[in-house]
Protein backbone atom coordinates (compact mmCIF):
# COMPACT_ATOMS: atom_id res chain seq x y z
CA MET A 1 131.64 -27.77 22.52
CA PRO A 2 134.27 -26.90 19.87
CA LYS A 3 134.59 -23.68 17.97
CA LEU A 4 133.35 -23.84 14.39
CA THR A 5 135.93 -23.22 11.67
CA ASP A 6 135.72 -23.27 7.89
CA SER A 7 137.73 -26.48 7.79
CA SER A 8 135.51 -28.22 10.37
CA ILE A 9 132.41 -27.10 8.49
CA ARG A 10 133.73 -28.41 5.17
CA ALA A 11 134.62 -31.73 6.82
CA ALA A 12 131.29 -32.11 8.64
CA LYS A 13 129.15 -35.07 7.54
CA CYS A 14 125.91 -36.60 8.71
CA PRO A 15 126.55 -40.15 10.03
CA ALA A 16 124.87 -43.05 8.27
CA GLY A 17 121.46 -43.84 9.73
CA LYS A 18 120.71 -40.24 10.76
CA THR A 19 118.76 -37.61 8.86
CA ARG A 20 120.74 -34.67 10.25
CA ILE A 21 123.14 -33.51 12.95
CA GLU A 22 123.74 -30.14 14.60
CA MET A 23 127.04 -28.63 15.67
CA ALA A 24 127.21 -25.70 18.09
CA ASP A 25 129.75 -22.88 17.89
CA SER A 26 131.50 -22.13 21.20
CA ALA A 27 132.67 -18.78 19.82
CA CYS A 28 129.11 -17.60 19.21
CA PRO A 29 126.42 -18.82 21.65
CA GLY A 30 123.26 -19.81 19.83
CA LEU A 31 124.87 -20.34 16.43
CA MET A 32 124.34 -23.88 15.14
CA LEU A 33 125.44 -25.67 11.98
CA ARG A 34 122.84 -28.13 10.70
CA VAL A 35 124.10 -30.88 8.38
CA THR A 36 121.59 -33.11 6.58
CA ALA A 37 122.05 -36.59 5.14
CA SER A 38 122.10 -35.07 1.65
CA GLY A 39 125.04 -32.88 2.61
CA VAL A 40 123.24 -29.54 2.89
CA LYS A 41 124.82 -27.33 5.57
CA THR A 42 122.76 -24.53 7.08
CA PHE A 43 123.45 -21.96 9.80
CA VAL A 44 120.69 -21.68 12.43
CA PHE A 45 120.30 -19.30 15.37
CA ARG A 46 118.77 -21.01 18.43
CA TYR A 47 117.48 -18.68 21.11
CA TRP A 48 114.86 -18.15 23.80
CA SER A 49 111.92 -16.20 22.33
CA PRO A 50 110.65 -13.49 24.70
CA LEU A 51 107.31 -13.48 22.88
CA LEU A 52 106.67 -17.23 22.72
CA SER A 53 108.42 -18.09 25.99
CA LYS A 54 110.19 -21.04 24.41
CA THR A 55 113.33 -21.92 22.49
CA VAL A 56 113.00 -21.40 18.71
CA ASN A 57 115.22 -21.67 15.64
CA LEU A 58 115.81 -18.98 13.03
CA THR A 59 117.41 -20.03 9.75
CA ILE A 60 120.28 -17.74 8.77
CA GLY A 61 121.28 -19.31 5.47
CA GLN A 62 123.20 -22.09 3.77
CA TYR A 63 126.95 -22.32 4.14
CA ASN A 64 128.73 -20.78 1.13
CA ASP A 65 125.77 -18.44 0.58
CA VAL A 66 126.55 -17.18 4.08
CA ASP A 67 130.09 -17.60 5.42
CA LEU A 68 130.98 -18.23 9.06
CA SER A 69 131.90 -14.64 9.92
CA ASP A 70 128.65 -13.31 8.40
CA ALA A 71 126.64 -15.90 10.33
CA ARG A 72 128.25 -14.75 13.59
CA GLU A 73 127.52 -11.12 12.75
CA LYS A 74 123.87 -11.93 12.06
CA VAL A 75 123.58 -13.73 15.40
CA ALA A 76 125.10 -10.69 17.16
CA ASP A 77 122.53 -8.42 15.46
CA HIS A 78 119.68 -10.74 16.46
CA ARG A 79 120.87 -10.72 20.08
CA LYS A 80 120.59 -6.94 20.06
CA GLU A 81 116.96 -7.33 18.95
CA ILE A 82 116.31 -9.76 21.79
CA ALA A 83 117.84 -7.27 24.25
CA ARG A 84 115.15 -4.82 23.08
CA ASP A 85 112.47 -7.46 23.84
CA GLU A 86 111.98 -8.08 20.13
CA ASP A 87 111.71 -11.49 18.54
CA PRO A 88 113.90 -11.62 15.37
CA ARG A 89 112.04 -14.61 13.93
CA ALA A 90 108.63 -12.98 14.39
CA ARG A 91 109.92 -9.75 12.87
CA LYS A 92 111.45 -11.55 9.89
CA ARG A 93 108.29 -13.56 9.22
CA ALA A 94 106.13 -10.42 9.40
CA ASP A 95 108.40 -8.68 6.90
CA ARG A 96 108.22 -11.63 4.51
CA ARG A 97 104.45 -11.95 4.80
CA LYS A 98 104.08 -8.28 3.99
CA ALA A 99 106.36 -8.51 0.96
CA ALA A 100 105.05 -11.84 -0.28
CA ARG A 101 101.34 -11.07 -0.51
CA ALA A 102 100.82 -12.09 -4.10
CA GLU A 103 98.01 -9.64 -4.82
CA GLU A 104 99.96 -6.71 -3.37
CA LEU A 105 103.47 -7.32 -4.68
CA SER A 106 103.45 -5.80 -8.16
CA PHE A 107 105.98 -6.77 -10.78
CA ASP A 108 107.55 -3.34 -10.33
CA ALA A 109 108.01 -3.95 -6.61
CA PHE A 110 109.28 -7.47 -7.27
CA ALA A 111 111.83 -6.15 -9.79
CA ASP A 112 112.97 -3.57 -7.24
CA LEU A 113 113.54 -6.32 -4.67
CA TYR A 114 115.49 -8.42 -7.15
CA ILE A 115 117.70 -5.50 -8.16
CA THR A 116 118.35 -4.14 -4.69
CA GLU A 117 118.72 -7.42 -2.80
CA TYR A 118 120.33 -9.70 -5.37
CA VAL A 119 121.76 -7.80 -8.34
CA ILE A 120 123.24 -4.89 -6.39
CA GLY A 121 123.26 -6.31 -2.87
CA ALA A 122 124.76 -4.08 -0.19
CA GLY A 123 123.79 -0.50 -0.93
CA GLY A 124 120.98 -1.52 -3.25
CA LYS A 125 118.20 0.18 -1.30
CA GLU A 126 120.19 3.40 -1.09
CA ALA A 127 120.86 3.24 -4.84
CA LEU A 128 117.15 2.78 -5.54
CA GLN A 129 116.34 5.77 -3.35
CA VAL A 130 118.79 7.92 -5.32
CA PHE A 131 117.23 6.70 -8.58
CA ASN A 132 113.72 7.53 -7.38
CA GLU A 133 114.86 11.03 -6.43
CA THR A 134 117.02 11.83 -9.46
CA GLY A 135 115.98 9.39 -12.20
CA ARG A 136 119.56 8.12 -12.46
CA TRP A 137 121.27 5.12 -10.93
CA PRO A 138 124.37 6.09 -8.95
CA GLU A 139 127.69 4.29 -9.07
CA VAL A 140 127.73 1.21 -6.83
CA ALA A 141 130.96 0.35 -5.02
CA ASP A 142 130.87 -3.45 -4.99
CA PRO A 143 127.69 -4.89 -6.58
CA ASN A 144 126.92 -8.59 -6.59
CA LYS A 145 126.85 -8.51 -10.39
CA LYS A 146 129.19 -6.36 -12.45
CA SER A 147 126.53 -6.29 -15.16
CA TRP A 148 123.86 -4.93 -12.82
CA ARG A 149 123.04 -2.03 -15.15
CA ASN A 150 122.27 -4.53 -17.92
CA ASP A 151 119.78 -6.33 -15.67
CA ILE A 152 118.04 -3.03 -14.97
CA GLN A 153 117.88 -2.23 -18.68
CA TYR A 154 116.51 -5.64 -19.70
CA LEU A 155 113.83 -5.44 -17.00
CA LYS A 156 112.71 -2.04 -18.27
CA ARG A 157 110.54 -3.47 -21.07
CA CYS A 158 109.08 -6.03 -18.66
CA ARG A 159 108.13 -3.24 -16.27
CA GLU A 160 106.38 -1.40 -19.10
CA GLU A 161 104.35 -4.53 -19.83
CA TRP A 162 103.63 -5.87 -16.36
CA GLY A 163 104.50 -3.10 -13.90
CA ARG A 164 101.13 -2.86 -12.13
CA LEU A 165 100.27 -6.56 -12.36
CA PRO A 166 100.91 -8.88 -9.38
CA ALA A 167 104.25 -10.60 -9.93
CA ALA A 168 102.66 -13.92 -8.97
CA SER A 169 100.11 -13.61 -11.79
CA ILE A 170 102.65 -13.55 -14.65
CA THR A 171 102.25 -16.72 -16.74
CA ASP A 172 104.43 -18.52 -19.27
CA ASP A 173 102.10 -17.25 -22.01
CA ASP A 174 102.67 -13.66 -20.86
CA VAL A 175 106.42 -14.20 -20.91
CA ALA A 176 106.46 -15.93 -24.31
CA ASP A 177 104.28 -13.21 -25.84
CA LEU A 178 106.56 -10.41 -24.63
CA LEU A 179 109.77 -12.21 -25.60
CA ASP A 180 108.39 -13.02 -29.06
CA THR A 181 107.62 -9.34 -29.58
CA ILE A 182 111.16 -8.35 -28.58
CA ALA A 183 112.66 -11.13 -30.70
CA GLU A 184 110.90 -9.85 -33.81
CA THR A 185 113.50 -7.08 -34.11
CA ALA A 186 116.06 -7.92 -31.41
CA PRO A 187 116.51 -11.68 -30.88
CA VAL A 188 119.66 -11.24 -28.79
CA SER A 189 117.87 -8.78 -26.51
CA ALA A 190 114.99 -11.28 -26.19
CA ASN A 191 117.42 -13.96 -25.02
CA ARG A 192 119.11 -11.63 -22.54
CA THR A 193 115.72 -10.51 -21.20
CA GLN A 194 114.69 -14.14 -20.83
CA SER A 195 117.86 -14.95 -18.87
CA VAL A 196 117.35 -12.04 -16.49
CA LEU A 197 113.68 -12.91 -15.94
CA HIS A 198 114.53 -16.57 -15.35
CA LYS A 199 117.07 -15.61 -12.70
CA ALA A 200 114.72 -13.11 -11.08
CA PHE A 201 111.81 -15.54 -10.74
CA LYS A 202 114.11 -18.36 -9.63
CA TRP A 203 115.50 -16.06 -6.95
CA GLY A 204 112.04 -14.83 -5.96
CA LYS A 205 110.53 -18.27 -5.33
CA GLN A 206 113.30 -19.54 -3.03
CA PRO A 207 112.41 -20.62 0.54
CA GLY A 208 112.74 -17.67 2.84
CA ARG A 209 111.45 -15.30 0.16
CA LYS A 210 108.47 -16.83 -1.65
CA TYR A 211 107.75 -13.53 -3.41
CA VAL A 212 106.32 -15.65 -6.26
CA PRO A 213 104.99 -19.23 -6.10
CA SER A 214 106.67 -20.47 -9.28
CA ASN A 215 109.01 -19.59 -12.13
CA PRO A 216 107.01 -19.09 -15.37
CA LEU A 217 110.22 -19.34 -17.40
CA GLU A 218 111.06 -22.84 -16.17
CA GLY A 219 111.48 -25.06 -19.23
CA LEU A 220 110.70 -22.24 -21.66
CA GLU A 221 112.76 -22.49 -24.85
CA ARG A 222 114.83 -19.47 -25.76
CA ARG A 223 112.49 -17.25 -27.72
CA GLY A 224 115.19 -15.38 -29.60
CA GLY A 225 117.41 -18.39 -30.24
CA LYS A 226 117.31 -21.15 -32.81
CA GLU A 227 113.56 -21.12 -33.15
CA LYS A 228 111.24 -21.05 -36.09
CA LYS A 229 110.06 -17.52 -36.68
CA ARG A 230 106.47 -16.99 -35.59
CA ASP A 231 104.13 -17.08 -38.58
CA ARG A 232 100.69 -17.60 -37.02
CA VAL A 233 97.96 -15.98 -39.09
CA LEU A 234 94.30 -16.38 -38.20
CA THR A 235 92.05 -17.82 -40.90
CA ASP A 236 88.98 -15.92 -42.08
CA ASP A 237 86.76 -18.23 -40.03
CA GLU A 238 88.91 -17.59 -36.94
CA ILE A 239 88.74 -13.83 -37.47
CA LYS A 240 84.95 -14.00 -37.66
CA THR A 241 84.76 -16.22 -34.57
CA LEU A 242 86.97 -13.83 -32.61
CA TRP A 243 85.27 -10.62 -33.79
CA TRP A 244 81.76 -11.69 -32.83
CA GLY A 245 82.90 -13.74 -29.84
CA LEU A 246 84.14 -10.53 -28.24
CA ASP A 247 80.52 -9.32 -28.18
CA LYS A 248 79.22 -12.29 -26.21
CA PRO A 249 77.89 -11.21 -22.79
CA ASP A 250 79.80 -13.94 -20.97
CA VAL A 251 83.15 -13.46 -22.72
CA PRO A 252 85.83 -13.66 -19.97
CA ALA A 253 87.27 -10.17 -20.51
CA ASP A 254 86.42 -6.54 -19.81
CA ARG A 255 84.88 -4.62 -22.71
CA GLU A 256 87.87 -2.27 -22.88
CA ILE A 257 90.20 -5.22 -23.53
CA CYS A 258 87.85 -6.69 -26.15
CA LEU A 259 87.82 -3.36 -27.99
CA ALA A 260 91.61 -3.10 -27.77
CA ILE A 261 91.89 -6.52 -29.42
CA ARG A 262 89.67 -5.36 -32.28
CA PHE A 263 91.66 -2.13 -32.54
CA ILE A 264 94.91 -4.08 -33.10
CA LEU A 265 93.25 -6.07 -35.89
CA ALA A 266 91.85 -2.91 -37.52
CA THR A 267 95.01 -0.76 -37.35
CA MET A 268 98.04 -3.15 -37.28
CA VAL A 269 99.45 -1.28 -34.26
CA ARG A 270 101.50 -3.18 -31.69
CA PRO A 271 99.54 -4.40 -28.66
CA TYR A 272 101.25 -1.99 -26.26
CA GLN A 273 100.52 0.89 -28.66
CA ALA A 274 96.84 0.01 -28.62
CA ALA A 275 96.76 -0.39 -24.84
CA GLY A 276 98.50 2.95 -24.22
CA ALA A 277 96.52 5.16 -26.60
CA ASN A 278 95.40 8.52 -25.22
CA ILE A 279 92.29 10.25 -26.54
CA ALA A 280 94.30 13.45 -27.08
CA GLU A 281 96.39 11.53 -29.63
CA LEU A 282 93.32 10.82 -31.80
CA THR A 283 92.60 13.62 -34.23
CA ALA A 284 89.97 14.45 -36.86
CA LEU A 285 87.57 11.84 -35.49
CA GLY A 286 84.31 11.66 -37.42
CA THR A 287 86.03 12.54 -40.70
CA ALA A 288 87.81 10.63 -43.43
CA ASN A 289 91.10 12.04 -42.08
CA ALA A 290 90.94 10.41 -38.61
CA LEU A 291 94.41 9.70 -37.20
CA TYR A 292 96.15 8.09 -34.26
CA ASP A 293 99.21 10.32 -33.78
CA MET A 294 101.55 8.14 -31.73
CA PRO A 295 104.16 10.09 -29.74
CA PRO A 296 107.88 9.16 -29.81
CA GLY A 297 107.80 7.47 -26.42
CA ARG A 298 105.41 4.82 -27.73
CA VAL A 299 107.32 4.02 -30.91
CA LYS A 300 110.59 2.17 -31.44
CA LYS A 301 113.61 4.43 -31.89
CA ASP A 302 111.57 7.30 -30.37
CA ARG A 303 109.90 8.41 -33.58
CA ALA A 304 106.47 9.96 -33.95
CA VAL A 305 104.26 7.82 -36.22
CA LEU A 306 100.92 8.61 -37.86
CA VAL A 307 98.38 5.78 -38.06
CA PRO A 308 95.33 6.57 -40.21
CA LEU A 309 92.04 5.22 -38.87
CA SER A 310 89.55 3.56 -41.17
CA ASP A 311 85.85 3.81 -40.45
CA VAL A 312 86.03 0.34 -38.87
CA ALA A 313 88.75 1.53 -36.48
CA ALA A 314 86.88 4.80 -35.87
CA ALA A 315 83.76 2.85 -34.88
CA ILE A 316 85.83 0.99 -32.27
CA VAL A 317 87.11 4.35 -30.97
CA ASP A 318 83.57 5.74 -30.77
CA GLU A 319 82.44 2.85 -28.60
CA ALA A 320 85.56 3.00 -26.43
CA ILE A 321 85.04 6.66 -25.53
CA ALA A 322 82.20 6.23 -23.08
CA ASP A 323 82.88 9.24 -20.83
CA GLU A 324 83.67 12.83 -21.78
CA GLU A 325 86.06 12.97 -18.81
CA GLN A 326 87.96 9.93 -20.11
CA GLU A 327 91.64 10.57 -20.89
CA VAL A 328 92.77 7.23 -22.32
CA LEU A 329 91.12 5.21 -25.07
CA PHE A 330 90.98 1.92 -23.20
CA PRO A 331 90.84 2.76 -19.46
CA SER A 332 91.76 0.27 -16.78
CA LYS A 333 88.98 -0.75 -14.41
CA PHE A 334 91.40 0.05 -11.58
CA GLY A 335 91.68 3.72 -12.51
CA ASP A 336 89.51 6.80 -12.95
CA GLY A 337 89.68 7.04 -16.73
CA SER A 338 93.23 8.36 -16.83
CA THR A 339 95.01 5.01 -16.43
CA PRO A 340 95.22 2.78 -19.53
CA ILE A 341 94.90 -0.98 -19.49
CA ALA A 342 98.20 -2.82 -19.19
CA ARG A 343 99.49 -4.40 -22.38
CA ALA A 344 99.84 -7.66 -20.41
CA SER A 345 96.13 -7.51 -19.61
CA ILE A 346 95.43 -8.23 -23.29
CA SER A 347 97.66 -11.32 -23.20
CA GLN A 348 96.11 -12.52 -19.95
CA ALA A 349 92.60 -12.04 -21.33
CA LEU A 350 93.49 -14.25 -24.28
CA SER A 351 95.28 -16.87 -22.17
CA GLY A 352 93.14 -16.91 -19.04
CA LYS A 353 94.41 -17.12 -15.52
CA LYS A 354 95.02 -20.06 -13.25
CA PHE A 355 93.35 -19.67 -9.87
CA GLY A 356 91.86 -16.46 -11.11
CA LYS A 357 88.71 -15.95 -9.05
CA MET A 358 87.12 -17.01 -5.78
CA VAL A 359 84.20 -19.42 -5.98
CA GLY A 360 82.92 -19.94 -2.46
CA ASP A 361 86.02 -20.51 -0.37
CA LYS A 362 88.14 -21.80 -3.27
CA LYS A 363 89.96 -20.23 -6.17
CA GLU A 364 89.11 -21.50 -9.62
CA ASP A 365 90.79 -21.04 -12.98
CA ARG A 366 89.47 -18.29 -15.22
CA PRO A 367 89.33 -19.37 -18.89
CA GLY A 368 90.83 -17.14 -21.53
CA ILE A 369 89.15 -15.82 -24.67
CA ARG A 370 90.87 -18.47 -26.80
CA GLU A 371 89.56 -21.32 -24.66
CA PHE A 372 86.15 -19.70 -24.35
CA LEU A 373 85.81 -19.48 -28.15
CA GLY A 374 87.45 -22.86 -28.82
CA MET A 375 90.28 -21.31 -30.84
CA ALA A 376 93.83 -22.57 -31.37
CA HIS A 377 96.66 -20.68 -29.68
CA PHE A 378 97.42 -17.19 -30.95
CA THR A 379 98.86 -14.08 -29.32
CA ALA A 380 97.90 -10.43 -29.48
CA HIS A 381 100.92 -9.85 -31.70
CA ASP A 382 99.64 -12.48 -34.15
CA LEU A 383 96.62 -10.23 -34.80
CA ARG A 384 98.96 -7.60 -36.22
CA ARG A 385 100.51 -10.17 -38.58
CA THR A 386 97.00 -11.34 -39.53
CA ALA A 387 95.90 -7.80 -40.40
CA ALA A 388 98.98 -7.26 -42.57
CA THR A 389 98.43 -10.58 -44.33
CA ILE A 390 94.80 -10.01 -45.28
CA ALA A 391 95.60 -6.46 -46.47
CA ARG A 392 98.37 -7.82 -48.72
CA ARG A 393 96.05 -10.57 -49.93
CA ALA A 394 93.53 -7.94 -50.99
CA GLY A 395 96.09 -6.03 -53.03
CA ALA A 396 97.78 -3.59 -50.66
CA PRO A 397 101.37 -2.98 -51.87
CA ARG A 398 104.07 -4.59 -49.73
CA ALA A 399 105.98 -1.33 -49.22
CA ASP A 400 102.83 0.41 -47.99
CA VAL A 401 101.98 -2.42 -45.60
CA LYS A 402 105.54 -2.25 -44.33
CA ALA A 403 105.02 1.45 -43.61
CA MET A 404 101.81 0.65 -41.70
CA LEU A 405 103.68 -1.93 -39.63
CA ASP A 406 106.34 0.71 -38.93
CA HIS A 407 109.12 -1.63 -40.04
CA VAL A 408 111.89 0.87 -40.72
CA ASN A 409 114.95 0.15 -42.81
CA GLY A 410 117.39 1.57 -40.28
CA ASP A 411 119.82 2.89 -42.90
CA VAL A 412 121.20 6.41 -43.26
CA THR A 413 118.49 7.34 -45.77
CA GLU A 414 115.95 7.21 -42.96
CA VAL A 415 117.66 10.19 -41.31
CA TYR A 416 116.90 12.37 -44.34
CA ASP A 417 113.67 10.89 -45.73
CA LYS A 418 110.85 12.23 -43.54
CA TYR A 419 107.94 11.49 -45.86
CA ASP A 420 105.19 10.00 -43.66
CA MET A 421 103.50 7.96 -46.44
CA LEU A 422 100.13 8.95 -44.99
CA PRO A 423 98.17 8.63 -48.28
CA GLU A 424 99.64 5.17 -48.92
CA LYS A 425 98.95 4.05 -45.36
CA ARG A 426 95.39 5.32 -45.54
CA LEU A 427 94.87 3.20 -48.65
CA VAL A 428 96.14 0.16 -46.72
CA VAL A 429 93.78 0.65 -43.75
CA ASN A 430 90.83 1.14 -46.10
CA ILE A 431 91.69 -2.08 -47.94
CA LEU A 432 92.02 -3.80 -44.55
CA ALA A 433 88.65 -2.43 -43.42
CA GLY A 434 86.98 -3.73 -46.57
CA GLU A 435 88.45 -7.20 -46.00
CA LEU A 436 87.35 -7.22 -42.37
CA ARG A 437 83.79 -6.29 -43.34
CA ARG A 438 83.75 -9.04 -45.94
CA ILE A 439 85.15 -11.63 -43.52
CA ILE A 440 82.81 -10.85 -40.62
CA SER A 441 79.86 -10.34 -42.99
CA ASP A 442 78.22 -7.56 -41.05
CA ALA A 443 76.25 -4.76 -42.59
CA THR A 444 76.31 -2.73 -39.36
CA VAL A 445 80.04 -2.12 -39.58
CA PRO A 446 80.23 1.30 -41.23
CA ALA A 447 81.13 1.43 -44.91
CA LEU A 448 84.07 3.56 -45.92
CA ALA A 449 83.36 7.09 -47.00
CA ALA A 450 83.37 7.52 -50.74
């Protein structure tokens, strides 16, 4: 039995007519090199399992991903486990099962695994612990990727959107919706975010991990690249179908999400700004001066923004506040009234979910609101564009609509000009409310105060 060397491993081939061969390493008892007919070379540890009372194999990793010296070190570590009457394969499988439970592994936890195990590598868990304690990432001696801080930064927005959701539940629609939102003002950032997500999901679905069953970015065109700018605007008939469809008793979405969708259409706020609204940020309710006072942390460039509420928007708020103990406008069903719905929950409600619910002993797809209402594809962000379009159509000045959309110029004048344009914006939301009432043709929607 010869000693394995790098040169002998590189030269090893599977003979014609065989599917694979195995080569033992005399320098490390139990270490085997498996070579398949396709040329894949994998290190395997063969040992006697004290738990199963039989010889078993434990895959260590493919050659090049794991070099010969690392494979020998891993075998030495596993032998120490065996000496303690532990089975390394059973322990490894238990760890993977625990981590890979789709309904338990949140996107936040999945992102932590990707960063600590792949992006940083050795020392990653310690670095994460320091971050959790101090809020700052420490210096890392020899990370796997020199740009590891960039990966962390690009995943930040994804965590804000999907943090609490199971990583395995993220769909291509969720990804496209988020990337389109980023690309609206930062196309390069959208492309970088897409690259990081693609790598993360590709890494997470590999054999031996299986943290996620698939990569939702596979085949997805670059959202910030050479693509036609999104210009989807719902027609009047589609707006009416959506508005009243959200009231149907069998609509496949929680009432809080349905109200959040209406709120976006009535205020032009971004979907994550609707999802994250706190009741304490809503002032002068019940008057003509009702406002949504968005704090800096929920606005681009960390600026506070005032969003006037029309009577149509105020009616949505009144219905949403169902409990005097409620802290957020649209509470998650998984919380106690203090946890808002996730922004991604709005996208998933529109898109539906594959294998969403148990029917008997099988999982069946859950249709989305679009499919349920027979509507063509649109995203939550398209509702914002739709609201701006119908307000402009009804005579709202472009500059005032731009202020409602919070599309800032970004020049030096902005530093000095602090006028909030509240009267102009209130005119826009009132024009929008009048158009919505006309489109949905409903006398029960409150008329604007004179």
